[in-house]
Amino acid sequence: MSKEWTAGEHIQFEDDFFGQQDANRKLEKTRRKVHQVVDHVMSKRQRLRYQEEGLALNKSLAQTRSDEDGDVEDNGDRRHQRQQQNQQHLYQDEEGERLSTRTVEDDRTIHSLDLLSSDSVDPDYYAGNVSVSSVDFSDITPLLMDFLVGPGSVNANPSGESFYIVDGVNVSKTLFALRKENVLTHTSMTYADGHDILSLNFIFFDKRLGPLLDERRKRWSKNLTEEESGLVVKMAGEFCGKEFDECELAMRQLSGIAPATVLRSRIYSYILNLLSSRFLWQTPPFFDRTNEDTFTDRYYRPWINAFFGDLDGATLHWGRDRLECGDGISQEVLIPDVMLTTTQQPSRTVLLCEIKKVGSSQQDKQRDVVKLFTEMKRSLDGLLRAGVEGKVIGIIGQDFRVEVWMMDLPYEAIYLPTHLGSFDILFSRFQIGSVLAMAPPLLAAREIVKSTLEDIKALGRRRRPMKESWVRGTFNVQPNVILSPD
């Protein structure tokens, strides 16, 4: 027989049940306070230490320059050893300083917290692509990171397998030191500090990486052929002086006499797409400030389809399609505005695009920049962990200005964004000549995507992951930023 509860037993049950919830809330509040106090103390000590280290480094560089004025050949090895010793001392001092600020009670408190800094332990987490776009930004609960390590990594220290060194200076260690400082001060960041936020995920925009960027721009520089340039000039005259029906007739006549190289070109395909959409003949130009999808369809879809819509083994996804990636419990969703993914499973993303329509706030635009590069890194991690030493293309479109970027991983924990070019998209038939400026970066991006797709197809012949130890985890939720007014 079932026993009926007495009133006292009901009261005791409610006290036990709701009392545990109250205890959990108090524990979470305590955890947050511990993190905030530690972040504040470490941030202050870190700033003072970096000032002292900067003075010591400048003094060391001055001594190095004086050595160079003497016997360069005899002192070259000795100077290099001195630089390495100085850098080693700086890092040893940093570790000693960090450990000296911790007490036994600090260790007990910190290691009892549920730190939100590391990725899933499942290596298949990187098989697909993960985005910050699915995060509910209405949740203003502070997201705190492990001040000892930083976001997205169990151990942020490099293994030493691959450092980027220029003229005896270890650029990699310099960038890692700057990143650690940003980890400690992340709570004061806004979206205007986009480069600092991205450095938390080892995505660096730094002038010290200039030689690497120059190499990539030179390698992937593309120009229109003489025939393609002539096609643009000819159609510019047709578009400016004729109505839609006359331009369509001129294009049909051209298709009968133009050489095959022109008919196969991306420029020819783009002009056909412009004709099919008809929007260039609309007066005045269409600016819908309320519908980003319509804005994308009119001004972005024609050239994205023309340059990336016909690639074998890949397909474009539009309109915030929910693309599920990965397998099992590691399956996640990536929701950029436009993306190009492989047709074979598991799906790999090789191109992403984020678009902001006319009239968007500056804060929304800055958020999209951070979002795009984070998505590019996640997609690149998926390729690298699968054994594909490829590259990922990112396109950021804001109003009518477009920037084309490439990201690769040339050295350990250095995700390098390379700017391939910028251009203004067409919103009038009198601007057709601007295709001469927009085509080169898009042709370069197309060539890079084709190269990556070929590497993915050859994946079955190369099973061993390459550069896996160079990869770093991603802080895939927005930092605890202060939302600045527009």
Foldseek 3Di string as FASTA:
>chain_A
DDDDDDPVVVVVVVCVVVVVVVVVVVLVVVLVVLLVVVLVVVLVVLVVLVVVLVVVVVVLVVVLVVVCVDDCVVCVVVSLVVQVVSLVVSVVVVVVVVVVVDDPVSVVSLVVDPFLAADDPDLLLLQEFAFQVVDDPVDLPAHAHDLVAAHHFPHNDAPPPWFDADPSRGVRVVLVSLLSSLNSVVLAAALVVLQNQVVSQQEHDDCVCVVVLVVVLVVLWDADDPLLLVVLVVLLVVLVPDALVSSVVVLVVCVVPPDPVNVPDLSNQLVVLLSVLRQQRDPPFDADQPDPQVVCVNFPVSSCCSLPPPAPQKHKDADQDWDWAGDDPSIDTDGAHMWIWGPDPPIATAEGEHEAEPPDDPSVLSVVVSRQVLRQLSRQLSCQQQAQQAKHWYWYYYHQKIWIWIWGQPTASRIYIHTNAMFGIDRHSNCSSSCSRVVRSSNSSSVRSNVRVVSVVCSVVPRDRDCNSSRGGGSNHRHSYDHDDD
